[in-house]
Amino acid sequence: MKAAIAEAREAASVGEVPVGAVVYRDGTVVARAHNESVARRDPTAHAELLAVQRALDQLQTDRLNDCTLYVTLEPCAQCAGAIVLAKVGRVVFGAYDPKAGMAGSVGDLLRHPRLNHRVEVVGGVEADACGEALQVFFRAQR
């Protein structure tokens, strides 16, 4: 999670919402990313989506079933959908997102029983550190 938090800090330093994501496989970082929505002028350029895309490219595959995605914020519907489609094996996230989280807060797309892939999910890891970065960022925006 520390690597994902470092990515979130990088996002904040360039004016992005501080969310970071890192994909690991066999204890090695395969891909990392932070939000790039502002820089790309693309509201879909979320950390998780970018990290998953980079991992798929790096590993030259269409499945990440043997990978773990660490992300500082509970994935939204878009990112949860991408995670399921890429068949990520495990997601570990920090702060819960009561307004948009799709790993248990608003819904649970990652473990939906009707989908063909269910992700192992661990939430609340380093939640205080992850949530604090978001609170500081949004306080400064107001």
C-alpha atoms as a PDB file:
ATOM      1  CA  MET A   1       0.000   0.000   0.000  1.00  0.00           C
ATOM      2  CA  LYS A   2       2.951   2.318   0.615  1.00  0.00           C
ATOM      3  CA  ALA A   3       3.722   2.420  -3.113  1.00  0.00           C
ATOM      4  CA  ALA A   4       0.090   3.308  -3.884  1.00  0.00           C
ATOM      5  CA  ILE A   5       0.188   6.075  -1.256  1.00  0.00           C
ATOM      6  CA  ALA A   6       3.366   7.414  -2.888  1.00  0.00           C
ATOM      7  CA  GLU A   7       1.509   7.514  -6.219  1.00  0.00           C
ATOM      8  CA  ALA A   8      -1.370   9.383  -4.531  1.00  0.00           C
ATOM      9  CA  ARG A   9       1.104  11.958  -3.198  1.00  0.00           C
ATOM     10  CA  GLU A  10       2.474  12.378  -6.707  1.00  0.00           C
ATOM     11  CA  ALA A  11      -1.068  12.962  -7.991  1.00  0.00           C
ATOM     12  CA  ALA A  12      -1.680  15.658  -5.376  1.00  0.00           C
ATOM     13  CA  SER A  13       1.623  17.355  -6.232  1.00  0.00           C
ATOM     14  CA  VAL A  14       0.437  17.893  -9.812  1.00  0.00           C
ATOM     15  CA  GLY A  15      -3.109  18.961  -8.892  1.00  0.00           C
ATOM     16  CA  GLU A  16      -4.843  15.625  -9.409  1.00  0.00           C
ATOM     17  CA  VAL A  17      -7.193  13.985  -6.917  1.00  0.00           C
ATOM     18  CA  PRO A  18      -4.752  11.979  -4.762  1.00  0.00           C
ATOM     19  CA  VAL A  19      -5.505   8.398  -5.700  1.00  0.00           C
ATOM     20  CA  GLY A  20      -2.703   5.969  -6.444  1.00  0.00           C
ATOM     21  CA  ALA A  21      -2.645   2.373  -7.631  1.00  0.00           C
ATOM     22  CA  VAL A  22       0.022  -0.296  -7.988  1.00  0.00           C
ATOM     23  CA  VAL A  23      -0.224  -3.768  -9.531  1.00  0.00           C
ATOM     24  CA  TYR A  24       1.956  -6.494  -7.996  1.00  0.00           C
ATOM     25  CA  ARG A  25       2.692  -9.975  -9.261  1.00  0.00           C
ATOM     26  CA  ASP A  26       4.840 -12.389  -7.291  1.00  0.00           C
ATOM     27  CA  GLY A  27       5.935  -9.587  -4.960  1.00  0.00           C
ATOM     28  CA  THR A  28       7.158  -7.378  -7.804  1.00  0.00           C
ATOM     29  CA  VAL A  29       5.652  -4.114  -9.027  1.00  0.00           C
ATOM     30  CA  VAL A  30       4.315  -4.641 -12.528  1.00  0.00           C
ATOM     31  CA  ALA A  31       2.653  -1.247 -13.016  1.00  0.00           C
ATOM     32  CA  ARG A  32       1.862   1.918 -11.109  1.00  0.00           C
ATOM     33  CA  ALA A  33      -0.294   4.952 -11.768  1.00  0.00           C
ATOM     34  CA  HIS A  34      -2.085   7.871 -10.204  1.00  0.00           C
ATOM     35  CA  ASN A  35      -5.106   9.832 -11.313  1.00  0.00           C
ATOM     36  CA  GLU A  36      -4.493  11.767 -14.535  1.00  0.00           C
ATOM     37  CA  SER A  37      -7.999  13.100 -15.192  1.00  0.00           C
ATOM     38  CA  VAL A  38      -6.953  16.766 -15.086  1.00  0.00           C
ATOM     39  CA  ALA A  39      -3.781  16.375 -17.148  1.00  0.00           C
ATOM     40  CA  ARG A  40      -5.522  14.301 -19.819  1.00  0.00           C
ATOM     41  CA  ARG A  41      -8.803  16.222 -19.648  1.00  0.00           C
ATOM     42  CA  ASP A  42     -10.359  12.784 -19.319  1.00  0.00           C
ATOM     43  CA  PRO A  43     -12.669  11.966 -16.405  1.00  0.00           C
ATOM     44  CA  THR A  44     -12.010   8.248 -16.950  1.00  0.00           C
ATOM     45  CA  ALA A  45      -8.228   8.492 -16.350  1.00  0.00           C
ATOM     46  CA  HIS A  46      -8.419   6.979 -12.872  1.00  0.00           C
ATOM     47  CA  ALA A  47      -5.401   5.442 -11.142  1.00  0.00           C
ATOM     48  CA  GLU A  48      -6.832   1.905 -11.111  1.00  0.00           C
ATOM     49  CA  LEU A  49      -7.772   1.939 -14.782  1.00  0.00           C
ATOM     50  CA  LEU A  50      -4.353   3.252 -15.821  1.00  0.00           C
ATOM     51  CA  ALA A  51      -2.504   0.772 -13.604  1.00  0.00           C
ATOM     52  CA  VAL A  52      -4.531  -2.160 -14.955  1.00  0.00           C
ATOM     53  CA  GLN A  53      -3.935  -1.046 -18.558  1.00  0.00           C
ATOM     54  CA  ARG A  54      -0.196  -0.687 -17.936  1.00  0.00           C
ATOM     55  CA  ALA A  55      -0.009  -4.088 -16.237  1.00  0.00           C
ATOM     56  CA  LEU A  56      -1.817  -5.787 -19.116  1.00  0.00           C
ATOM     57  CA  ASP A  57       0.599  -4.156 -21.545  1.00  0.00           C
ATOM     58  CA  GLN A  58       3.674  -4.959 -19.448  1.00  0.00           C
ATOM     59  CA  LEU A  59       2.686  -8.613 -19.043  1.00  0.00           C
ATOM     60  CA  GLN A  60       1.412  -8.937 -22.626  1.00  0.00           C
ATOM     61  CA  THR A  61      -1.818 -10.561 -21.468  1.00  0.00           C
ATOM     62  CA  ASP A  62      -5.519  -9.878 -21.103  1.00  0.00           C
ATOM     63  CA  ARG A  63      -5.836 -11.382 -17.609  1.00  0.00           C
ATOM     64  CA  LEU A  64      -4.357 -10.391 -14.284  1.00  0.00           C
ATOM     65  CA  ASN A  65      -5.703 -13.284 -12.229  1.00  0.00           C
ATOM     66  CA  ASP A  66      -2.332 -13.794 -10.520  1.00  0.00           C
ATOM     67  CA  CYS A  67      -1.961 -10.107  -9.626  1.00  0.00           C
ATOM     68  CA  THR A  68      -2.931  -7.871  -6.711  1.00  0.00           C
ATOM     69  CA  LEU A  69      -4.041  -4.297  -7.247  1.00  0.00           C
ATOM     70  CA  TYR A  70      -3.355  -1.942  -4.343  1.00  0.00           C
ATOM     71  CA  VAL A  71      -5.321   1.300  -4.530  1.00  0.00           C
ATOM     72  CA  THR A  72      -5.742   4.112  -2.024  1.00  0.00           C
ATOM     73  CA  LEU A  73      -9.495   4.543  -2.584  1.00  0.00           C
ATOM     74  CA  GLU A  74     -12.290   2.026  -3.032  1.00  0.00           C
ATOM     75  CA  PRO A  75     -12.823   1.601  -6.796  1.00  0.00           C
ATOM     76  CA  CYS A  76     -15.745   3.314  -8.537  1.00  0.00           C
ATOM     77  CA  ALA A  77     -18.100   1.518 -10.954  1.00  0.00           C
ATOM     78  CA  GLN A  78     -15.897   2.235 -13.981  1.00  0.00           C
ATOM     79  CA  CYS A  79     -12.754   0.933 -12.333  1.00  0.00           C
ATOM     80  CA  ALA A  80     -14.507  -2.029 -10.724  1.00  0.00           C
ATOM     81  CA  GLY A  81     -15.807  -3.005 -14.157  1.00  0.00           C
ATOM     82  CA  ALA A  82     -12.324  -2.822 -15.650  1.00  0.00           C
ATOM     83  CA  ILE A  83     -10.921  -4.837 -12.737  1.00  0.00           C
ATOM     84  CA  VAL A  84     -13.512  -7.570 -13.298  1.00  0.00           C
ATOM     85  CA  LEU A  85     -12.965  -7.606 -17.058  1.00  0.00           C
ATOM     86  CA  ALA A  86      -9.188  -7.866 -16.592  1.00  0.00           C
ATOM     87  CA  LYS A  87      -9.823 -10.673 -14.093  1.00  0.00           C
ATOM     88  CA  VAL A  88      -7.616  -9.144 -11.406  1.00  0.00           C
ATOM     89  CA  GLY A  89      -7.171 -11.736  -8.684  1.00  0.00           C
ATOM     90  CA  ARG A  90      -7.148  -9.492  -5.641  1.00  0.00           C
ATOM     91  CA  VAL A  91      -7.823  -5.849  -4.783  1.00  0.00           C
ATOM     92  CA  VAL A  92      -6.558  -4.227  -1.606  1.00  0.00           C
ATOM     93  CA  PHE A  93      -7.850  -0.711  -1.028  1.00  0.00           C
ATOM     94  CA  GLY A  94      -7.387   1.968   1.596  1.00  0.00           C
ATOM     95  CA  ALA A  95     -10.191   4.456   2.160  1.00  0.00           C
ATOM     96  CA  TYR A  96     -13.815   3.512   1.680  1.00  0.00           C
ATOM     97  CA  ASP A  97     -15.802   5.721  -0.704  1.00  0.00           C
ATOM     98  CA  PRO A  98     -19.355   6.056   0.658  1.00  0.00           C
ATOM     99  CA  LYS A  99     -20.493   8.057  -2.395  1.00  0.00           C
ATOM    100  CA  ALA A 100     -19.133   5.966  -5.279  1.00  0.00           C
ATOM    101  CA  GLY A 101     -17.388   2.848  -3.932  1.00  0.00           C
ATOM    102  CA  MET A 102     -18.227  -0.394  -5.691  1.00  0.00           C
ATOM    103  CA  ALA A 103     -16.418  -2.810  -3.375  1.00  0.00           C
ATOM    104  CA  GLY A 104     -19.060  -2.733  -0.669  1.00  0.00           C
ATOM    105  CA  SER A 105     -19.983   0.893   0.011  1.00  0.00           C
ATOM    106  CA  VAL A 106     -22.553   1.756  -2.674  1.00  0.00           C
ATOM    107  CA  GLY A 107     -22.563  -1.636  -4.336  1.00  0.00           C
ATOM    108  CA  ASP A 108     -20.235  -4.566  -4.799  1.00  0.00           C
ATOM    109  CA  LEU A 109     -19.448  -4.998  -8.452  1.00  0.00           C
ATOM    110  CA  LEU A 110     -16.147  -6.702  -7.665  1.00  0.00           C
ATOM    111  CA  ARG A 111     -17.899  -9.664  -6.035  1.00  0.00           C
ATOM    112  CA  HIS A 112     -21.250  -9.617  -7.796  1.00  0.00           C
ATOM    113  CA  PRO A 113     -22.571 -13.194  -7.923  1.00  0.00           C
ATOM    114  CA  ARG A 114     -23.926 -12.927 -11.476  1.00  0.00           C
ATOM    115  CA  LEU A 115     -20.622 -11.917 -13.041  1.00  0.00           C
ATOM    116  CA  ASN A 116     -18.205 -14.495 -14.437  1.00  0.00           C
ATOM    117  CA  HIS A 117     -15.306 -13.279 -12.253  1.00  0.00           C
ATOM    118  CA  ARG A 118     -15.274 -12.354  -8.583  1.00  0.00           C
ATOM    119  CA  VAL A 119     -12.330 -10.548  -7.106  1.00  0.00           C
ATOM    120  CA  GLU A 120     -10.890 -11.181  -3.651  1.00  0.00           C
ATOM    121  CA  VAL A 121     -11.243  -7.860  -1.818  1.00  0.00           C
ATOM    122  CA  VAL A 122      -9.553  -6.468   1.280  1.00  0.00           C
ATOM    123  CA  GLY A 123     -10.670  -2.993   2.303  1.00  0.00           C
ATOM    124  CA  GLY A 124      -9.603  -0.447   4.863  1.00  0.00           C
ATOM    125  CA  VAL A 125      -5.833  -1.065   4.644  1.00  0.00           C
ATOM    126  CA  GLU A 126      -4.039   2.138   5.749  1.00  0.00           C
ATOM    127  CA  ALA A 127      -7.481   3.764   5.534  1.00  0.00           C
ATOM    128  CA  ASP A 128      -6.540   6.716   7.744  1.00  0.00           C
ATOM    129  CA  ALA A 129      -3.477   7.640   5.684  1.00  0.00           C
ATOM    130  CA  CYS A 130      -5.354   7.211   2.403  1.00  0.00           C
ATOM    131  CA  GLY A 131      -8.399   9.147   3.590  1.00  0.00           C
ATOM    132  CA  GLU A 132      -6.315  11.951   5.078  1.00  0.00           C
ATOM    133  CA  ALA A 133      -4.652  12.655   1.728  1.00  0.00           C
ATOM    134  CA  LEU A 134      -8.075  13.047   0.135  1.00  0.00           C
ATOM    135  CA  GLN A 135      -9.397  15.237   2.958  1.00  0.00           C
ATOM    136  CA  VAL A 136      -6.389  17.571   2.782  1.00  0.00           C
ATOM    137  CA  PHE A 137      -6.733  17.848  -1.004  1.00  0.00           C
ATOM    138  CA  PHE A 138     -10.442  18.640  -0.969  1.00  0.00           C
ATOM    139  CA  ARG A 139     -10.156  21.082   1.956  1.00  0.00           C
ATOM    140  CA  ALA A 140      -7.639  23.038  -0.094  1.00  0.00           C
ATOM    141  CA  GLN A 141     -10.039  23.051  -3.076  1.00  0.00           C
ATOM    142  CA  ARG A 142     -12.835  24.717  -1.089  1.00  0.00           C
END
